[in-house]
Amino acid sequence: MRNVRVNTASDTLCPISKREEHTVKYCDYESLKALNDTAVKNKYNRSLYFDKLPIKKDTLFPIKDWMVHEYATGNAIRTSIVLNEEGDSAWLDIPVSMYNKLPDFQEEKNDD
């Protein structure tokens, strides 16, 4: 999935450029809570028991993997979100429109 991205206008997949290939989306605590609240409200299959998560409020949470997941109401993005420095992660379904609004940063390229 790393060589495609979601087209905002049509919820379809399209090729990404080399620059986008090393971009990582992330969210802060408040955004993660809002994304989870939306997943619960939309009755998505992947949501979180937010009060039981091993997270800190002052942390940024990178999205390490994602895939398009189809619902009767349209596509969502199923994301694997890193929760802490130990590498614990959780799956969360996010509406495409919210996923596309998440900020991102450039991942350092490792030539090893």
C-alpha atoms as a PDB file:
ATOM      1  CA  MET A   1       0.000   0.000   0.000  1.00  0.00           C
ATOM      2  CA  ARG A   2       2.955   2.348   0.332  1.00  0.00           C
ATOM      3  CA  ASN A   3       2.959   3.208  -3.370  1.00  0.00           C
ATOM      4  CA  VAL A   4      -0.601   4.560  -3.501  1.00  0.00           C
ATOM      5  CA  ARG A   5      -2.565   7.309  -1.767  1.00  0.00           C
ATOM      6  CA  VAL A   6      -6.236   8.088  -1.343  1.00  0.00           C
ATOM      7  CA  ASN A   7      -7.712  10.634  -3.746  1.00  0.00           C
ATOM      8  CA  THR A   8      -9.728  13.003  -1.566  1.00  0.00           C
ATOM      9  CA  ALA A   9     -12.337  13.803  -4.195  1.00  0.00           C
ATOM     10  CA  SER A  10     -13.288  10.234  -5.062  1.00  0.00           C
ATOM     11  CA  ASP A  11     -12.010   8.042  -2.195  1.00  0.00           C
ATOM     12  CA  THR A  12     -10.004   6.099  -4.778  1.00  0.00           C
ATOM     13  CA  LEU A  13      -6.354   5.109  -4.802  1.00  0.00           C
ATOM     14  CA  CYS A  14      -3.767   6.708  -7.063  1.00  0.00           C
ATOM     15  CA  PRO A  15       0.053   6.481  -7.384  1.00  0.00           C
ATOM     16  CA  ILE A  16       2.186   8.636  -5.111  1.00  0.00           C
ATOM     17  CA  SER A  17       5.391  10.468  -5.879  1.00  0.00           C
ATOM     18  CA  LYS A  18       8.769   9.475  -4.401  1.00  0.00           C
ATOM     19  CA  ARG A  19       8.550  12.504  -2.068  1.00  0.00           C
ATOM     20  CA  GLU A  20       5.204  11.360  -0.667  1.00  0.00           C
ATOM     21  CA  GLU A  21       6.532   7.820  -0.240  1.00  0.00           C
ATOM     22  CA  HIS A  22       8.505   8.854   2.849  1.00  0.00           C
ATOM     23  CA  THR A  23       5.797  10.992   4.428  1.00  0.00           C
ATOM     24  CA  VAL A  24       4.298   9.848   7.733  1.00  0.00           C
ATOM     25  CA  LYS A  25       0.945  11.097   8.987  1.00  0.00           C
ATOM     26  CA  TYR A  26       0.469  11.625  12.712  1.00  0.00           C
ATOM     27  CA  CYS A  27      -1.965  12.997  15.267  1.00  0.00           C
ATOM     28  CA  ASP A  28      -1.804  14.480  18.742  1.00  0.00           C
ATOM     29  CA  TYR A  29      -3.809  13.362  21.781  1.00  0.00           C
ATOM     30  CA  GLU A  30      -6.844  15.558  21.093  1.00  0.00           C
ATOM     31  CA  SER A  31      -6.962  14.518  17.431  1.00  0.00           C
ATOM     32  CA  LEU A  32      -6.656  10.843  18.344  1.00  0.00           C
ATOM     33  CA  LYS A  33      -9.544  11.203  20.765  1.00  0.00           C
ATOM     34  CA  ALA A  34     -11.676  12.968  18.112  1.00  0.00           C
ATOM     35  CA  LEU A  35     -10.811  10.293  15.516  1.00  0.00           C
ATOM     36  CA  ASN A  36     -11.785   7.559  17.948  1.00  0.00           C
ATOM     37  CA  ASP A  37     -15.046   9.320  18.867  1.00  0.00           C
ATOM     38  CA  THR A  38     -15.881   9.454  15.156  1.00  0.00           C
ATOM     39  CA  ALA A  39     -15.070   5.752  14.714  1.00  0.00           C
ATOM     40  CA  VAL A  40     -17.408   4.879  17.596  1.00  0.00           C
ATOM     41  CA  LYS A  41     -20.151   7.180  16.285  1.00  0.00           C
ATOM     42  CA  ASN A  42     -19.866   5.662  12.777  1.00  0.00           C
ATOM     43  CA  LYS A  43     -19.874   2.118  14.261  1.00  0.00           C
ATOM     44  CA  TYR A  44     -16.573   1.268  12.550  1.00  0.00           C
ATOM     45  CA  ASN A  45     -15.074  -2.159  13.280  1.00  0.00           C
ATOM     46  CA  ARG A  46     -11.840  -0.691  14.651  1.00  0.00           C
ATOM     47  CA  SER A  47     -12.129   1.775  17.533  1.00  0.00           C
ATOM     48  CA  LEU A  48     -10.310   2.085  20.847  1.00  0.00           C
ATOM     49  CA  TYR A  49     -11.109   1.802  24.553  1.00  0.00           C
ATOM     50  CA  PHE A  50      -9.530   5.205  24.924  1.00  0.00           C
ATOM     51  CA  ASP A  51      -9.257   5.305  28.725  1.00  0.00           C
ATOM     52  CA  LYS A  52      -7.327   1.992  28.724  1.00  0.00           C
ATOM     53  CA  LEU A  53      -4.636   3.022  26.214  1.00  0.00           C
ATOM     54  CA  PRO A  54      -0.973   3.151  27.340  1.00  0.00           C
ATOM     55  CA  ILE A  55      -0.524   6.735  26.122  1.00  0.00           C
ATOM     56  CA  LYS A  56       0.597  10.146  27.325  1.00  0.00           C
ATOM     57  CA  LYS A  57      -1.269  13.339  26.469  1.00  0.00           C
ATOM     58  CA  ASP A  58       1.888  15.172  25.352  1.00  0.00           C
ATOM     59  CA  THR A  59       2.789  12.587  22.668  1.00  0.00           C
ATOM     60  CA  LEU A  60       2.493  12.609  18.885  1.00  0.00           C
ATOM     61  CA  PHE A  61       1.158   9.365  17.448  1.00  0.00           C
ATOM     62  CA  PRO A  62       2.521   8.339  14.012  1.00  0.00           C
ATOM     63  CA  ILE A  63       0.523   6.173  11.639  1.00  0.00           C
ATOM     64  CA  LYS A  64       2.802   3.316  10.643  1.00  0.00           C
ATOM     65  CA  ASP A  65       0.496   1.370   8.307  1.00  0.00           C
ATOM     66  CA  TRP A  66      -2.811   1.933   6.601  1.00  0.00           C
ATOM     67  CA  MET A  67      -5.228   0.342   4.132  1.00  0.00           C
ATOM     68  CA  VAL A  68      -8.522   1.302   2.578  1.00  0.00           C
ATOM     69  CA  HIS A  69     -11.474  -0.425   4.214  1.00  0.00           C
ATOM     70  CA  GLU A  70     -14.915  -0.468   2.611  1.00  0.00           C
ATOM     71  CA  TYR A  71     -18.101   0.234   4.542  1.00  0.00           C
ATOM     72  CA  ALA A  72     -21.656   0.462   3.234  1.00  0.00           C
ATOM     73  CA  THR A  73     -21.460   4.213   3.885  1.00  0.00           C
ATOM     74  CA  GLY A  74     -18.194   4.604   1.917  1.00  0.00           C
ATOM     75  CA  ASN A  75     -14.495   4.043   2.352  1.00  0.00           C
ATOM     76  CA  ALA A  76     -12.521   4.553   5.539  1.00  0.00           C
ATOM     77  CA  ILE A  77      -8.817   4.266   6.201  1.00  0.00           C
ATOM     78  CA  ARG A  78      -7.833   1.476   8.581  1.00  0.00           C
ATOM     79  CA  THR A  79      -4.730   2.754  10.363  1.00  0.00           C
ATOM     80  CA  SER A  80      -2.153   1.252  12.683  1.00  0.00           C
ATOM     81  CA  ILE A  81      -1.167   3.978  15.141  1.00  0.00           C
ATOM     82  CA  VAL A  82       1.959   3.827  17.306  1.00  0.00           C
ATOM     83  CA  LEU A  83       0.878   4.596  20.876  1.00  0.00           C
ATOM     84  CA  ASN A  84       4.120   4.914  22.845  1.00  0.00           C
ATOM     85  CA  GLU A  85       7.906   4.648  22.830  1.00  0.00           C
ATOM     86  CA  GLU A  86       7.722   0.895  23.429  1.00  0.00           C
ATOM     87  CA  GLY A  87       6.117   0.519  20.000  1.00  0.00           C
ATOM     88  CA  ASP A  88       2.669  -0.585  21.156  1.00  0.00           C
ATOM     89  CA  SER A  89       0.145   0.070  18.403  1.00  0.00           C
ATOM     90  CA  ALA A  90      -3.587  -0.165  17.771  1.00  0.00           C
ATOM     91  CA  TRP A  91      -5.840  -0.268  14.719  1.00  0.00           C
ATOM     92  CA  LEU A  92      -8.312   2.567  14.209  1.00  0.00           C
ATOM     93  CA  ASP A  93     -10.689   3.187  11.283  1.00  0.00           C
ATOM     94  CA  ILE A  94     -10.752   6.826  10.176  1.00  0.00           C
ATOM     95  CA  PRO A  95     -13.030   8.515   7.608  1.00  0.00           C
ATOM     96  CA  VAL A  96     -11.089   9.393   4.448  1.00  0.00           C
ATOM     97  CA  SER A  97     -11.833  13.102   4.840  1.00  0.00           C
ATOM     98  CA  MET A  98     -10.357  13.153   8.363  1.00  0.00           C
ATOM     99  CA  TYR A  99      -7.353  11.055   7.363  1.00  0.00           C
ATOM    100  CA  ASN A 100      -6.480  13.470   4.559  1.00  0.00           C
ATOM    101  CA  LYS A 101      -6.522  16.408   7.006  1.00  0.00           C
ATOM    102  CA  LEU A 102      -3.976  14.836   9.368  1.00  0.00           C
ATOM    103  CA  PRO A 103      -0.576  16.565   9.395  1.00  0.00           C
ATOM    104  CA  ASP A 104       2.495  14.748   8.158  1.00  0.00           C
ATOM    105  CA  PHE A 105       6.255  14.889   8.363  1.00  0.00           C
ATOM    106  CA  GLN A 106       9.059  13.633   6.143  1.00  0.00           C
ATOM    107  CA  GLU A 107      10.513  10.327   7.258  1.00  0.00           C
ATOM    108  CA  GLU A 108      14.300  10.222   7.130  1.00  0.00           C
ATOM    109  CA  LYS A 109      15.465   7.940   4.364  1.00  0.00           C
ATOM    110  CA  ASN A 110      17.776   5.133   5.476  1.00  0.00           C
ATOM    111  CA  ASP A 111      20.024   3.902   2.656  1.00  0.00           C
ATOM    112  CA  ASP A 112      21.218   0.789   4.523  1.00  0.00           C
END
